[in-house]
């Protein structure tokens, strides 16, 4: 997975002709967390780009990114930020596209500040907010895939397969646990 870098540069993965998801981070330091979104998008064969912008340190850049996204073919934006975490909200205020916010644990408040800043949006400026950190980033990638799958039957089939794999993993974990419990039960004094 590429690491974001280069001033004003966006890393693109997948079809160069049609980036469908834009992953935006408030800092390049957020990449180890936001990489989970990229991994899920790659799993579902969704072309995406990765970039850094800041609601506070580069507000014009962030607004321009949001304004131009739809014209470039982007259909969903995923924004990850820590601390005051206004990135997703600023982007949502500047576009009609769906915005998924990922709160990042980057402060002494362990991501609670980022969660509240991302989820508490005023009426009329929605941000779909996922969990704090790595699980949230992965879920943001999955949620973006689910949004796109509404218009893409092949993607919907890949998502169904993924959900079936999750269910099979749970069934396997239960079977393993039941076998372990049976061995413990069979070896206990009460079963003799």
Protein backbone atom coordinates (compact mmCIF):
# COMPACT_ATOMS: atom_id res chain seq x y z
CA UNK A 1 0.00 0.00 0.00
CA UNK A 2 1.51 3.35 -0.93
CA UNK A 3 2.14 5.95 1.71
CA UNK A 4 0.77 9.40 0.98
CA UNK A 5 3.39 11.96 0.20
CA UNK A 6 4.39 14.85 -1.95
CA UNK A 7 3.01 18.33 -1.59
CA UNK A 8 -0.29 18.65 -3.42
CA UNK A 9 0.01 15.12 -4.80
CA UNK A 10 -2.66 12.45 -4.56
CA UNK A 11 -1.78 8.77 -4.59
CA UNK A 12 -4.24 6.94 -6.86
CA UNK A 13 -4.87 3.22 -6.69
CA UNK A 14 -6.92 1.30 -9.22
CA UNK A 15 -8.27 2.62 -12.50
CA UNK A 16 -6.66 5.96 -13.26
CA UNK A 17 -9.69 6.91 -15.35
CA UNK A 18 -12.22 6.80 -12.56
CA UNK A 19 -11.32 7.32 -8.92
CA UNK A 20 -14.51 6.56 -6.99
CA UNK A 21 -13.44 7.22 -3.39
CA UNK A 22 -11.19 9.92 -1.99
CA UNK A 23 -9.52 9.21 1.35
CA UNK A 24 -8.53 12.50 3.00
CA UNK A 25 -6.44 12.73 6.16
CA UNK A 26 -5.72 15.71 8.36
CA UNK A 27 -2.08 14.61 8.63
CA UNK A 28 0.21 12.12 6.92
CA UNK A 29 0.67 10.68 10.42
CA UNK A 30 -2.91 9.37 10.13
CA UNK A 31 -1.98 6.94 7.33
CA UNK A 32 -1.34 3.91 9.59
CA UNK A 33 -4.97 4.21 10.72
CA UNK A 34 -6.55 5.26 7.41
CA UNK A 35 -4.74 2.50 5.55
CA UNK A 36 -7.55 0.23 6.80
CA UNK A 37 -10.03 2.09 4.58
CA UNK A 38 -7.68 1.74 1.61
CA UNK A 39 -7.27 -1.98 2.24
CA UNK A 40 -11.03 -2.55 2.26
CA UNK A 41 -11.50 -0.51 -0.92
CA UNK A 42 -8.74 -2.52 -2.60
CA UNK A 43 -10.36 -5.77 -1.45
CA UNK A 44 -13.56 -4.76 -3.26
CA UNK A 45 -11.64 -3.51 -6.35
CA UNK A 46 -12.73 0.10 -5.86
CA UNK A 47 -10.38 2.72 -7.32
CA UNK A 48 -9.43 5.34 -4.76
CA UNK A 49 -7.01 8.14 -4.05
CA UNK A 50 -5.29 9.22 -0.85
CA UNK A 51 -4.43 12.79 0.06
CA UNK A 52 -3.65 15.04 3.02
CA UNK A 53 -5.56 18.24 3.71
CA UNK A 54 -6.41 20.17 6.85
CA UNK A 55 -9.56 21.98 7.85
CA UNK A 56 -7.48 24.31 10.03
CA UNK A 57 -4.06 24.59 8.39
CA UNK A 58 -5.21 24.52 4.75
CA UNK A 59 -8.90 25.50 4.64
CA UNK A 60 -8.81 26.70 1.01
CA UNK A 61 -7.16 23.48 -0.13
CA UNK A 62 -9.79 21.45 1.74
CA UNK A 63 -12.68 23.46 0.28
CA UNK A 64 -11.25 23.13 -3.25
CA UNK A 65 -10.83 19.38 -2.80
CA UNK A 66 -14.48 19.07 -1.74
CA UNK A 67 -15.74 21.33 -4.56
CA UNK A 68 -13.84 19.50 -7.29
CA UNK A 69 -14.41 15.92 -6.10
CA UNK A 70 -17.69 15.27 -7.91
CA UNK A 71 -16.41 16.81 -11.15
CA UNK A 72 -13.47 14.40 -11.00
CA UNK A 73 -15.81 11.40 -10.65
CA UNK A 74 -15.39 10.85 -6.91
CA UNK A 75 -18.60 9.44 -5.45
CA UNK A 76 -17.73 9.09 -1.74
CA UNK A 77 -15.27 10.92 0.51
CA UNK A 78 -13.70 9.35 3.60
CA UNK A 79 -12.17 11.89 5.98
CA UNK A 80 -10.02 10.91 8.93
CA UNK A 81 -8.81 13.40 11.54
CA UNK A 82 -7.88 13.55 15.19
CA UNK A 83 -8.11 16.22 17.86
CA UNK A 84 -10.62 18.92 16.94
CA UNK A 85 -11.41 16.78 13.85
CA UNK A 86 -13.31 19.29 11.74
CA UNK A 87 -12.10 17.84 8.44
CA UNK A 88 -15.13 15.66 7.66
CA UNK A 89 -17.55 18.44 8.59
CA UNK A 90 -15.77 21.06 6.52
CA UNK A 91 -15.75 18.72 3.53
CA UNK A 92 -19.44 17.87 4.04
CA UNK A 93 -20.28 21.59 4.12
CA UNK A 94 -18.64 22.04 0.71
CA UNK A 95 -20.03 19.05 -1.25
CA UNK A 96 -23.20 17.11 -2.00
CA UNK A 97 -21.28 13.82 -1.95
CA UNK A 98 -21.58 11.41 0.98
CA UNK A 99 -18.85 11.99 3.56
CA UNK A 100 -17.75 9.29 6.00
CA UNK A 101 -15.85 10.55 9.04
CA UNK A 102 -13.21 8.51 10.84
CA UNK A 103 -12.26 9.87 14.29
CA UNK A 104 -8.58 9.24 14.97
CA UNK A 105 -7.03 8.71 18.39
CA UNK A 106 -4.28 11.31 18.25
CA UNK A 107 -4.69 13.29 21.45
CA UNK A 108 -4.64 12.84 25.20
CA UNK A 109 -8.41 12.32 25.05
CA UNK A 110 -7.89 9.01 23.18
CA UNK A 111 -10.09 9.96 20.23
CA UNK A 112 -13.15 11.04 22.21
CA UNK A 113 -12.61 14.65 21.10
CA UNK A 114 -12.37 13.55 17.47
CA UNK A 115 -15.46 11.35 17.80
CA UNK A 116 -17.57 14.17 19.22
CA UNK A 117 -16.30 16.71 16.68
CA UNK A 118 -17.06 14.32 13.81
CA UNK A 119 -20.42 12.97 14.93
CA UNK A 120 -22.01 16.17 16.31
CA UNK A 121 -22.78 17.90 13.03
CA UNK A 122 -25.52 20.51 12.72
CA UNK A 123 -28.72 19.65 10.91
CA UNK A 124 -28.25 19.90 7.16
CA UNK A 125 -24.57 18.91 7.13
CA UNK A 126 -24.49 15.15 7.70
CA UNK A 127 -21.35 13.12 8.22
CA UNK A 128 -21.66 9.34 8.53
CA UNK A 129 -19.36 8.69 11.47
CA UNK A 130 -17.74 5.33 12.18
CA UNK A 131 -15.77 4.01 15.16
CA UNK A 132 -12.55 5.58 16.44
CA UNK A 133 -9.33 4.30 14.91
CA UNK A 134 -8.46 1.27 12.80
CA UNK A 135 -11.83 -0.48 13.06
CA UNK A 136 -13.52 2.76 12.04
CA UNK A 137 -11.23 3.21 9.05
CA UNK A 138 -11.92 -0.34 7.84
CA UNK A 139 -15.66 0.19 8.36
CA UNK A 140 -15.46 3.46 6.41
CA UNK A 141 -14.08 1.50 3.46
CA UNK A 142 -16.86 -1.05 3.77
CA UNK A 143 -19.53 1.65 4.10
CA UNK A 144 -18.19 3.41 1.00
CA UNK A 145 -18.41 0.08 -0.84
CA UNK A 146 -22.01 -0.40 0.33
CA UNK A 147 -22.94 3.08 -0.93
CA UNK A 148 -21.35 2.40 -4.31
CA UNK A 149 -22.91 -1.08 -4.50
CA UNK A 150 -26.38 0.48 -4.71
CA UNK A 151 -25.59 1.18 -8.39
CA UNK A 152 -23.14 -1.68 -9.06
CA UNK A 153 -24.44 -5.28 -9.00
CA UNK A 154 -20.93 -6.75 -9.32
CA UNK A 155 -19.75 -4.81 -6.28
CA UNK A 156 -22.90 -5.87 -4.41
CA UNK A 157 -22.00 -9.51 -5.15
CA UNK A 158 -18.47 -8.98 -3.78
CA UNK A 159 -19.96 -7.47 -0.62
CA UNK A 160 -22.34 -10.43 -0.21
CA UNK A 161 -19.35 -12.77 -0.52
CA UNK A 162 -17.46 -10.77 2.12
CA UNK A 163 -20.43 -10.96 4.51
CA UNK A 164 -20.67 -14.71 3.88
CA UNK A 165 -16.96 -15.04 4.74
CA UNK A 166 -17.54 -13.13 7.99
CA UNK A 167 -20.41 -15.45 8.89
CA UNK A 168 -18.33 -18.54 8.05
CA UNK A 169 -15.55 -17.22 10.28
CA UNK A 170 -17.97 -16.91 13.20
CA UNK A 171 -19.29 -20.45 12.62
CA UNK A 172 -15.71 -21.78 12.50
CA UNK A 173 -14.78 -19.93 15.70
CA UNK A 174 -17.83 -21.40 17.43
CA UNK A 175 -17.01 -24.93 16.24
CA UNK A 176 -13.44 -24.57 17.52
CA UNK A 177 -14.65 -23.29 20.89
CA UNK A 178 -17.25 -26.07 21.21
CA UNK A 179 -14.57 -28.69 20.49
CA UNK A 180 -12.28 -27.16 23.16
CA UNK A 181 -15.12 -27.08 25.69
CA UNK A 182 -16.00 -30.68 24.93
CA UNK A 183 -12.38 -31.76 25.53
CA UNK A 184 -12.36 -29.87 28.83
CA UNK A 185 -15.69 -31.39 29.82
CA UNK A 186 -14.62 -34.93 28.88
CA UNK A 187 -11.45 -34.57 30.94
CA UNK A 188 -13.11 -33.12 34.04
CA UNK A 189 -13.66 -35.26 37.19
CA UNK A 190 -17.43 -34.70 36.98
CA UNK A 191 -17.61 -36.45 33.60
CA UNK A 192 -15.90 -39.62 34.83
